[in-house]
Amino acid sequence: MNHADITDAGPSHADIPDAGPNHATALDRWRSVAAATGPADRAAAEAGVRLAYRTAGLA
């Protein structure tokens, strides 16, 4: 996968029904979050997985 594949991935503004005046802003914000490559919070991720397992009765 190259940079063009990543930036071209996902729906375009035309593919999503109009969600009002903030539609473009919300889509751009979501794409920014989805493409973020910042450091992960490992402790929070592990706590979330433990909670999910406990909630599902698997731990």
Protein backbone atom coordinates (compact mmCIF):
# COMPACT_ATOMS: atom_id res chain seq x y z
CA MET A 1 0.00 0.00 0.00
CA ASN A 2 1.36 3.40 -0.88
CA HIS A 3 0.51 6.92 0.20
CA ALA A 4 -2.02 7.39 -2.62
CA ASP A 5 -3.87 4.24 -1.54
CA ILE A 6 -4.18 5.54 2.00
CA THR A 7 -5.27 9.06 1.12
CA ASP A 8 -7.73 7.78 -1.48
CA ALA A 9 -9.19 5.13 0.83
CA GLY A 10 -12.60 5.60 2.36
CA PRO A 11 -15.70 7.38 1.27
CA SER A 12 -15.61 10.66 -0.55
CA HIS A 13 -17.75 13.61 0.44
CA ALA A 14 -20.12 12.67 -2.41
CA ASP A 15 -20.58 9.10 -1.09
CA ILE A 16 -22.03 10.16 2.25
CA PRO A 17 -25.52 11.66 2.59
CA ASP A 18 -25.55 15.31 3.60
CA ALA A 19 -25.33 15.56 7.37
CA GLY A 20 -25.86 19.29 7.58
CA PRO A 21 -23.59 22.32 7.51
CA ASN A 22 -20.77 20.64 9.49
CA HIS A 23 -20.67 17.56 7.26
CA ALA A 24 -17.34 18.27 5.55
CA THR A 25 -15.73 19.26 8.83
CA ALA A 26 -16.86 16.05 10.55
CA LEU A 27 -15.64 13.87 7.68
CA ASP A 28 -12.28 15.62 7.58
CA ARG A 29 -11.95 15.29 11.37
CA TRP A 30 -12.76 11.56 11.20
CA ARG A 31 -10.22 11.01 8.41
CA SER A 32 -7.60 12.81 10.47
CA VAL A 33 -8.27 10.59 13.48
CA ALA A 34 -8.37 7.42 11.37
CA ALA A 35 -5.02 8.24 9.76
CA ALA A 36 -3.29 9.28 13.00
CA THR A 37 -0.02 7.49 13.70
CA GLY A 38 0.86 8.97 17.06
CA PRO A 39 2.08 6.92 20.01
CA ALA A 40 -0.35 4.50 21.60
CA ASP A 41 -1.32 4.53 25.25
CA ARG A 42 -0.46 0.89 25.98
CA ALA A 43 -1.68 0.99 29.59
CA ALA A 44 -5.09 2.34 28.53
CA ALA A 45 -5.33 -0.24 25.73
CA GLU A 46 -4.52 -3.11 28.10
CA ALA A 47 -7.04 -1.82 30.64
CA GLY A 48 -9.69 -1.66 27.91
CA VAL A 49 -9.00 -5.23 26.82
CA ARG A 50 -9.17 -6.46 30.44
CA LEU A 51 -12.48 -4.65 30.92
CA ALA A 52 -13.87 -6.14 27.70
CA TYR A 53 -12.89 -9.67 28.77
CA ARG A 54 -14.38 -9.18 32.27
CA THR A 55 -17.58 -7.73 30.83
CA ALA A 56 -17.89 -10.71 28.46
CA GLY A 57 -17.28 -13.14 31.34
CA LEU A 58 -14.05 -14.42 29.82
CA ALA A 59 -11.73 -13.46 32.66
